[in-house]
Amino acid sequence: MKNKTSKEHGFTLIELLIVMVILGLLAALVGPRLFGHEGKSRQKTAKLQISNFETAVDTFRLDTGRFPTTEQGLNALRTAPQGMEKKWDGPYLPKAIPLDPWGNPYQYKSPSDHGDYEIISYGADGNPGGQGLDEDIVSWKNIGD
């Protein structure tokens, strides 16, 4: 049998509740700041991916003499379009074409109202237009323009 000469040490329910309240307050103060940066980071990631696609599209044009059509889309950067197998020297992207940071496919148009082609991510809402985090990220302008 053990002698219980010393008190057992541990936390009381009140002490645990106080710690939980403090952690909750910290999360309420710090959380919004972290999530505010997440949206901007996704926009920057989309712009960087679009920039990589632009490099691949321009290389495609140098090899084949033209840009991929809207119908061929960005898939032409990974697989030779029918009838272009001799000129095509791809794949022009090392990996499969990723979805944008919000899980939506990038849109490709050629020709475009803004040049030979444009590559678009429709932002957080996945729909054309919008402001803030819903703003479209396009190949022909910088974020926030």
C-alpha atoms as a PDB file:
ATOM      1  CA  MET A   1       0.000   0.000   0.000  1.00  0.00           C
ATOM      2  CA  LYS A   2       1.088   3.505  -0.790  1.00  0.00           C
ATOM      3  CA  ASN A   3       1.115   6.261   1.714  1.00  0.00           C
ATOM      4  CA  LYS A   4      -0.485   9.448   0.429  1.00  0.00           C
ATOM      5  CA  THR A   5       1.544  11.920   2.392  1.00  0.00           C
ATOM      6  CA  SER A   6       1.918  14.472  -0.384  1.00  0.00           C
ATOM      7  CA  LYS A   7      -0.841  16.107  -2.377  1.00  0.00           C
ATOM      8  CA  GLU A   8      -1.269  14.918  -5.943  1.00  0.00           C
ATOM      9  CA  HIS A   9      -0.483  17.643  -8.461  1.00  0.00           C
ATOM     10  CA  GLY A  10      -2.666  18.456 -11.445  1.00  0.00           C
ATOM     11  CA  PHE A  11      -4.767  21.150 -13.074  1.00  0.00           C
ATOM     12  CA  THR A  12      -8.168  22.135 -11.824  1.00  0.00           C
ATOM     13  CA  LEU A  13     -11.112  22.625 -14.147  1.00  0.00           C
ATOM     14  CA  ILE A  14     -10.939  26.390 -13.586  1.00  0.00           C
ATOM     15  CA  GLU A  15      -7.282  26.514 -14.618  1.00  0.00           C
ATOM     16  CA  LEU A  16      -8.015  24.548 -17.798  1.00  0.00           C
ATOM     17  CA  LEU A  17     -10.933  26.842 -18.657  1.00  0.00           C
ATOM     18  CA  ILE A  18      -8.770  29.941 -18.189  1.00  0.00           C
ATOM     19  CA  VAL A  19      -6.110  28.519 -20.536  1.00  0.00           C
ATOM     20  CA  MET A  20      -8.764  27.652 -23.132  1.00  0.00           C
ATOM     21  CA  VAL A  21     -10.203  31.197 -22.952  1.00  0.00           C
ATOM     22  CA  ILE A  22      -6.736  32.706 -23.425  1.00  0.00           C
ATOM     23  CA  LEU A  23      -6.052  30.443 -26.427  1.00  0.00           C
ATOM     24  CA  GLY A  24      -9.423  31.370 -27.902  1.00  0.00           C
ATOM     25  CA  LEU A  25      -8.678  35.078 -27.549  1.00  0.00           C
ATOM     26  CA  LEU A  26      -5.278  34.652 -29.195  1.00  0.00           C
ATOM     27  CA  ALA A  27      -6.824  32.731 -32.088  1.00  0.00           C
ATOM     28  CA  ALA A  28      -9.477  35.442 -32.522  1.00  0.00           C
ATOM     29  CA  LEU A  29      -6.799  38.139 -32.709  1.00  0.00           C
ATOM     30  CA  VAL A  30      -4.191  36.370 -34.832  1.00  0.00           C
ATOM     31  CA  GLY A  31      -6.392  34.183 -37.070  1.00  0.00           C
ATOM     32  CA  PRO A  32      -7.898  36.920 -39.275  1.00  0.00           C
ATOM     33  CA  ARG A  33      -4.470  38.363 -39.965  1.00  0.00           C
ATOM     34  CA  LEU A  34      -3.158  35.003 -41.133  1.00  0.00           C
ATOM     35  CA  PHE A  35      -6.188  34.283 -43.307  1.00  0.00           C
ATOM     36  CA  GLY A  36      -5.977  37.756 -44.858  1.00  0.00           C
ATOM     37  CA  HIS A  37      -2.543  36.858 -46.185  1.00  0.00           C
ATOM     38  CA  GLU A  38      -3.777  33.529 -47.524  1.00  0.00           C
ATOM     39  CA  GLY A  39      -6.009  35.201 -50.115  1.00  0.00           C
ATOM     40  CA  LYS A  40      -3.210  37.439 -51.379  1.00  0.00           C
ATOM     41  CA  SER A  41      -0.850  34.458 -51.494  1.00  0.00           C
ATOM     42  CA  ARG A  42      -3.318  32.555 -53.666  1.00  0.00           C
ATOM     43  CA  GLN A  43      -3.541  35.503 -56.044  1.00  0.00           C
ATOM     44  CA  LYS A  44       0.253  35.679 -56.289  1.00  0.00           C
ATOM     45  CA  THR A  45       0.435  31.919 -56.874  1.00  0.00           C
ATOM     46  CA  ALA A  46      -2.104  32.192 -59.705  1.00  0.00           C
ATOM     47  CA  LYS A  47      -0.112  35.029 -61.289  1.00  0.00           C
ATOM     48  CA  LEU A  48       3.113  32.974 -61.084  1.00  0.00           C
ATOM     49  CA  GLN A  49       1.436  29.929 -62.637  1.00  0.00           C
ATOM     50  CA  ILE A  50       0.014  32.105 -65.417  1.00  0.00           C
ATOM     51  CA  SER A  51       3.512  33.499 -66.013  1.00  0.00           C
ATOM     52  CA  ASN A  52       4.850  29.943 -66.374  1.00  0.00           C
ATOM     53  CA  PHE A  53       2.056  29.143 -68.824  1.00  0.00           C
ATOM     54  CA  GLU A  54       2.945  32.269 -70.838  1.00  0.00           C
ATOM     55  CA  THR A  55       6.551  31.108 -71.169  1.00  0.00           C
ATOM     56  CA  ALA A  56       5.378  27.670 -72.326  1.00  0.00           C
ATOM     57  CA  VAL A  57       2.858  29.158 -74.797  1.00  0.00           C
ATOM     58  CA  ASP A  58       5.546  31.428 -76.280  1.00  0.00           C
ATOM     59  CA  THR A  59       7.903  28.456 -76.650  1.00  0.00           C
ATOM     60  CA  PHE A  60       5.097  26.492 -78.325  1.00  0.00           C
ATOM     61  CA  ARG A  61       4.698  29.354 -80.825  1.00  0.00           C
ATOM     62  CA  LEU A  62       8.425  29.451 -81.539  1.00  0.00           C
ATOM     63  CA  ASP A  63       8.402  25.724 -82.370  1.00  0.00           C
ATOM     64  CA  THR A  64       5.120  25.496 -84.271  1.00  0.00           C
ATOM     65  CA  GLY A  65       4.761  28.975 -85.781  1.00  0.00           C
ATOM     66  CA  ARG A  66       1.459  29.748 -84.037  1.00  0.00           C
ATOM     67  CA  PHE A  67      -0.225  29.859 -80.652  1.00  0.00           C
ATOM     68  CA  PRO A  68      -2.477  27.032 -79.456  1.00  0.00           C
ATOM     69  CA  THR A  69      -6.103  27.638 -80.416  1.00  0.00           C
ATOM     70  CA  THR A  70      -8.806  28.164 -77.806  1.00  0.00           C
ATOM     71  CA  GLU A  71     -10.051  24.639 -78.538  1.00  0.00           C
ATOM     72  CA  GLN A  72      -6.598  23.120 -78.021  1.00  0.00           C
ATOM     73  CA  GLY A  73      -6.133  25.181 -74.872  1.00  0.00           C
ATOM     74  CA  LEU A  74      -3.315  24.680 -72.424  1.00  0.00           C
ATOM     75  CA  ASN A  75      -3.437  20.926 -73.091  1.00  0.00           C
ATOM     76  CA  ALA A  76      -1.437  21.644 -76.265  1.00  0.00           C
ATOM     77  CA  LEU A  77       1.489  22.387 -73.971  1.00  0.00           C
ATOM     78  CA  ARG A  78       1.509  18.783 -72.701  1.00  0.00           C
ATOM     79  CA  THR A  79       0.281  16.772 -75.698  1.00  0.00           C
ATOM     80  CA  ALA A  80       0.930  17.443 -79.379  1.00  0.00           C
ATOM     81  CA  PRO A  81      -2.206  18.691 -81.136  1.00  0.00           C
ATOM     82  CA  GLN A  82      -3.367  16.535 -84.033  1.00  0.00           C
ATOM     83  CA  GLY A  83      -1.489  17.359 -87.230  1.00  0.00           C
ATOM     84  CA  MET A  84       1.312  19.220 -85.437  1.00  0.00           C
ATOM     85  CA  GLU A  85       3.368  16.259 -84.267  1.00  0.00           C
ATOM     86  CA  LYS A  86       6.353  17.100 -86.530  1.00  0.00           C
ATOM     87  CA  LYS A  87       6.757  20.718 -85.373  1.00  0.00           C
ATOM     88  CA  TRP A  88       5.722  20.199 -81.757  1.00  0.00           C
ATOM     89  CA  ASP A  89       8.774  19.786 -79.519  1.00  0.00           C
ATOM     90  CA  GLY A  90       7.055  19.473 -76.128  1.00  0.00           C
ATOM     91  CA  PRO A  91       5.940  18.841 -73.585  1.00  0.00           C
ATOM     92  CA  TYR A  92       6.385  22.496 -72.714  1.00  0.00           C
ATOM     93  CA  LEU A  93       5.374  22.018 -69.088  1.00  0.00           C
ATOM     94  CA  PRO A  94       7.124  19.426 -66.903  1.00  0.00           C
ATOM     95  CA  LYS A  95       3.950  18.398 -65.035  1.00  0.00           C
ATOM     96  CA  ALA A  96       0.219  18.174 -65.676  1.00  0.00           C
ATOM     97  CA  ILE A  97      -1.578  21.499 -65.916  1.00  0.00           C
ATOM     98  CA  PRO A  98      -2.607  22.408 -62.366  1.00  0.00           C
ATOM     99  CA  LEU A  99      -5.898  23.885 -61.276  1.00  0.00           C
ATOM    100  CA  ASP A 100      -5.780  27.450 -60.035  1.00  0.00           C
ATOM    101  CA  PRO A 101      -5.249  27.969 -56.279  1.00  0.00           C
ATOM    102  CA  TRP A 102      -9.050  27.847 -55.728  1.00  0.00           C
ATOM    103  CA  GLY A 103      -9.430  24.484 -57.469  1.00  0.00           C
ATOM    104  CA  ASN A 104     -10.795  25.772 -60.798  1.00  0.00           C
ATOM    105  CA  PRO A 105      -9.308  25.219 -64.265  1.00  0.00           C
ATOM    106  CA  TYR A 106      -7.427  28.055 -65.914  1.00  0.00           C
ATOM    107  CA  GLN A 107      -9.126  29.526 -68.990  1.00  0.00           C
ATOM    108  CA  TYR A 108      -7.200  30.030 -72.229  1.00  0.00           C
ATOM    109  CA  LYS A 109      -8.362  32.099 -75.220  1.00  0.00           C
ATOM    110  CA  SER A 110      -6.596  32.650 -78.516  1.00  0.00           C
ATOM    111  CA  PRO A 111      -7.000  35.012 -80.197  1.00  0.00           C
ATOM    112  CA  SER A 112      -8.000  37.411 -77.454  1.00  0.00           C
ATOM    113  CA  ASP A 113      -9.279  40.971 -77.175  1.00  0.00           C
ATOM    114  CA  HIS A 114      -6.084  41.687 -75.239  1.00  0.00           C
ATOM    115  CA  GLY A 115      -3.483  40.258 -77.629  1.00  0.00           C
ATOM    116  CA  ASP A 116      -2.567  36.970 -79.247  1.00  0.00           C
ATOM    117  CA  TYR A 117      -3.845  35.017 -76.254  1.00  0.00           C
ATOM    118  CA  GLU A 118      -4.921  35.362 -72.643  1.00  0.00           C
ATOM    119  CA  ILE A 119      -4.837  33.043 -69.658  1.00  0.00           C
ATOM    120  CA  ILE A 120      -7.370  33.622 -66.877  1.00  0.00           C
ATOM    121  CA  SER A 121      -8.090  32.505 -63.332  1.00  0.00           C
ATOM    122  CA  TYR A 122     -11.497  33.726 -62.192  1.00  0.00           C
ATOM    123  CA  GLY A 123     -10.327  34.200 -58.600  1.00  0.00           C
ATOM    124  CA  ALA A 124     -11.875  32.997 -55.361  1.00  0.00           C
ATOM    125  CA  ASP A 125     -15.488  33.033 -56.610  1.00  0.00           C
ATOM    126  CA  GLY A 126     -14.706  31.120 -59.827  1.00  0.00           C
ATOM    127  CA  ASN A 127     -16.809  33.548 -61.897  1.00  0.00           C
ATOM    128  CA  PRO A 128     -15.826  36.311 -64.335  1.00  0.00           C
ATOM    129  CA  GLY A 129     -15.414  39.757 -62.791  1.00  0.00           C
ATOM    130  CA  GLY A 130     -15.218  40.608 -59.137  1.00  0.00           C
ATOM    131  CA  GLN A 131     -13.080  42.657 -56.821  1.00  0.00           C
ATOM    132  CA  GLY A 132     -10.710  41.913 -54.000  1.00  0.00           C
ATOM    133  CA  LEU A 133     -10.144  38.170 -53.643  1.00  0.00           C
ATOM    134  CA  ASP A 134     -12.790  37.518 -56.327  1.00  0.00           C
ATOM    135  CA  GLU A 135     -10.853  39.589 -58.874  1.00  0.00           C
ATOM    136  CA  ASP A 136      -9.886  37.799 -62.084  1.00  0.00           C
ATOM    137  CA  ILE A 137      -6.165  37.156 -62.488  1.00  0.00           C
ATOM    138  CA  VAL A 138      -5.296  37.532 -66.166  1.00  0.00           C
ATOM    139  CA  SER A 139      -2.111  37.271 -68.180  1.00  0.00           C
ATOM    140  CA  TRP A 140      -2.359  40.790 -69.580  1.00  0.00           C
ATOM    141  CA  LYS A 141      -2.449  42.819 -66.356  1.00  0.00           C
ATOM    142  CA  ASN A 142      -1.033  42.875 -62.843  1.00  0.00           C
ATOM    143  CA  ILE A 143      -3.098  42.058 -59.758  1.00  0.00           C
ATOM    144  CA  GLY A 144      -4.958  45.110 -58.512  1.00  0.00           C
ATOM    145  CA  ASP A 145      -4.693  47.111 -61.781  1.00  0.00           C
END
